[in-house]
N, C-alpha and C. Protein backbone atom coordinates (compact mmCIF):
# COMPACT_ATOMS: atom_id res chain seq x y z
N MET A 1 0.94 -1.18 0.02
CA MET A 1 0.00 -0.04 0.14
C MET A 1 0.77 1.38 0.04
N MET A 2 1.99 1.17 0.90
CA MET A 2 2.75 2.39 0.97
C MET A 2 3.63 2.44 -0.30
N LEU A 3 3.95 1.59 -1.07
CA LEU A 3 4.72 1.73 -2.34
C LEU A 3 3.71 2.25 -3.42
N LYS A 4 2.59 1.85 -3.38
CA LYS A 4 1.67 2.36 -4.42
C LYS A 4 1.61 4.07 -4.19
N PHE A 5 1.41 4.28 -2.88
CA PHE A 5 1.34 5.86 -2.39
C PHE A 5 2.58 6.51 -3.06
N LEU A 6 3.84 5.92 -2.71
CA LEU A 6 5.00 6.53 -3.20
C LEU A 6 5.29 6.56 -4.64
N GLU A 7 4.62 5.94 -5.43
CA GLU A 7 4.60 5.90 -6.78
C GLU A 7 3.90 7.31 -7.08
N ALA A 8 2.78 7.50 -6.65
CA ALA A 8 1.92 8.66 -6.98
C ALA A 8 2.47 9.74 -6.28
N ASN A 9 3.15 9.75 -5.21
CA ASN A 9 3.57 10.97 -4.52
C ASN A 9 5.21 10.86 -4.26
N ILE A 10 5.74 11.85 -4.03
CA ILE A 10 7.26 12.02 -3.87
C ILE A 10 7.55 11.38 -2.60
N CYS A 11 6.86 11.69 -1.52
CA CYS A 11 7.23 11.27 -0.12
C CYS A 11 5.99 10.82 0.69
N ILE A 12 6.25 10.38 1.78
CA ILE A 12 5.20 10.08 2.91
C ILE A 12 5.74 10.41 4.25
N THR A 13 4.93 10.87 5.09
CA THR A 13 5.29 11.04 6.58
C THR A 13 4.76 9.95 7.41
N ARG A 14 5.18 9.86 8.61
CA ARG A 14 4.54 8.84 9.52
C ARG A 14 3.25 8.90 9.54
N ALA A 15 2.82 10.18 9.90
CA ALA A 15 1.34 10.31 9.97
C ALA A 15 0.47 9.97 8.84
N GLU A 16 0.93 10.25 7.55
CA GLU A 16 0.39 9.93 6.47
C GLU A 16 0.15 8.18 6.43
N TYR A 17 1.35 7.76 6.64
CA TYR A 17 1.41 6.24 6.59
C TYR A 17 0.55 5.76 7.70
N SER A 18 0.42 6.32 8.88
CA SER A 18 -0.47 5.58 9.82
C SER A 18 -1.97 5.95 9.37
N ARG A 19 -2.46 6.89 8.86
CA ARG A 19 -3.67 7.09 8.41
C ARG A 19 -4.01 6.14 7.12
N LEU A 20 -2.98 5.97 6.21
CA LEU A 20 -3.40 5.11 5.03
C LEU A 20 -3.44 3.55 5.40
N THR A 21 -2.66 3.00 6.43
CA THR A 21 -2.75 1.82 6.77
C THR A 21 -3.62 1.62 7.94
N ASN A 22 -4.10 2.55 8.55
CA ASN A 22 -5.20 2.59 9.58
C ASN A 22 -4.59 1.91 11.03
N ILE A 23 -3.42 2.19 11.26
CA ILE A 23 -2.64 1.73 12.48
C ILE A 23 -2.21 2.87 13.45
N THR A 24 -1.71 2.57 14.44
CA THR A 24 -1.40 3.54 15.38
C THR A 24 -0.04 4.18 15.07
N ASP A 25 0.17 5.47 15.63
CA ASP A 25 1.54 6.08 15.24
C ASP A 25 2.70 5.26 15.73
N ARG A 26 2.60 4.77 16.84
CA ARG A 26 3.59 3.81 17.57
C ARG A 26 3.95 2.72 16.49
N ARG A 27 2.97 1.93 16.10
CA ARG A 27 3.11 0.94 15.04
C ARG A 27 3.60 1.41 13.51
N ALA A 28 3.13 2.55 13.28
CA ALA A 28 3.76 3.06 11.91
C ALA A 28 5.20 3.47 11.99
N SER A 29 5.73 3.88 13.30
CA SER A 29 6.98 4.22 13.33
C SER A 29 7.80 2.86 13.26
N SER A 30 7.34 1.91 13.88
CA SER A 30 8.04 0.65 13.87
C SER A 30 7.97 0.00 12.56
N ASP A 31 7.22 0.17 11.88
CA ASP A 31 6.94 -0.30 10.39
C ASP A 31 8.03 0.51 9.55
N LEU A 32 7.86 1.70 9.54
CA LEU A 32 8.77 2.48 8.83
C LEU A 32 10.33 2.24 9.16
N GLN A 33 10.68 2.04 10.42
CA GLN A 33 11.96 1.78 10.78
C GLN A 33 12.49 0.22 10.30
N GLU A 34 11.46 -0.49 10.02
CA GLU A 34 11.65 -1.95 9.43
C GLU A 34 12.01 -1.86 7.97
N TYR A 35 11.26 -0.81 7.23
CA TYR A 35 11.24 -0.61 6.00
C TYR A 35 12.76 0.10 5.50
N LEU A 36 13.12 0.92 6.57
CA LEU A 36 14.39 1.52 6.43
C LEU A 36 15.62 0.42 6.47
N ALA A 37 15.33 -0.29 7.43
CA ALA A 37 16.59 -1.41 7.68
C ALA A 37 16.69 -2.25 6.39
N GLU A 38 15.49 -2.49 5.63
CA GLU A 38 15.43 -3.59 4.65
C GLU A 38 15.69 -2.74 3.28
N GLY A 39 15.90 -1.37 3.33
CA GLY A 39 16.49 -0.60 2.18
C GLY A 39 15.35 -0.29 1.43
N ILE A 40 14.04 -0.45 1.69
CA ILE A 40 12.94 -0.24 0.80
C ILE A 40 12.75 1.22 0.75
N ILE A 41 12.95 2.07 1.87
CA ILE A 41 12.86 3.58 1.72
C ILE A 41 14.09 4.03 2.34
N ARG A 42 14.10 5.43 1.99
CA ARG A 42 15.31 6.31 2.75
C ARG A 42 14.59 7.36 3.57
N LYS A 43 15.20 7.67 4.50
CA LYS A 43 14.79 9.03 5.51
C LYS A 43 15.30 10.07 5.11
N ARG A 44 14.66 11.32 5.02
CA ARG A 44 15.07 12.50 4.44
C ARG A 44 14.43 13.61 5.58
N GLY A 45 15.37 14.43 5.98
CA GLY A 45 15.01 15.47 6.98
C GLY A 45 15.24 14.95 8.47
N GLY A 46 14.76 15.70 9.22
CA GLY A 46 14.96 15.26 10.71
C GLY A 46 14.09 15.91 11.59
N GLY A 47 13.97 15.18 12.78
CA GLY A 47 12.81 15.83 13.78
C GLY A 47 11.49 15.71 13.22
N ARG A 48 10.82 16.73 13.38
CA ARG A 48 9.32 16.77 13.14
C ARG A 48 9.05 16.83 11.48
N SER A 49 10.11 17.22 10.78
CA SER A 49 10.13 17.34 9.38
C SER A 49 10.51 16.04 8.59
N VAL A 50 10.67 14.84 9.35
CA VAL A 50 11.11 13.61 8.64
C VAL A 50 10.17 13.22 7.45
N VAL A 51 10.61 13.04 6.11
CA VAL A 51 9.74 12.18 5.27
C VAL A 51 10.62 10.97 4.88
N TYR A 52 9.76 10.10 4.25
CA TYR A 52 10.34 9.16 3.70
C TYR A 52 10.02 8.94 2.09
N ILE A 53 11.13 8.63 1.53
CA ILE A 53 11.10 8.51 0.17
C ILE A 53 11.50 7.14 -0.35
N LYS A 54 11.01 6.61 -1.56
CA LYS A 54 11.27 5.30 -2.15
C LYS A 54 12.75 5.15 -2.41
N ASN A 55 13.44 4.16 -2.03
CA ASN A 55 14.87 3.89 -2.32
C ASN A 55 14.76 3.46 -3.65
N GLN A 56 15.77 4.09 -4.34
CA GLN A 56 15.97 3.68 -5.84
C GLN A 56 17.21 2.58 -6.03
């Protein structure tokens, strides 16, 4: 679901991912960390302005 979103959009935030998948913010953060570790996405920015982009 997230990859389809990233095909249509440049980036996704944790809050957008949480709403898209209908999960808690805590679970969304955990999922995004797993995707980062697997190399599926990259993190850009820091603090409150972190966005995630598709790794190419």
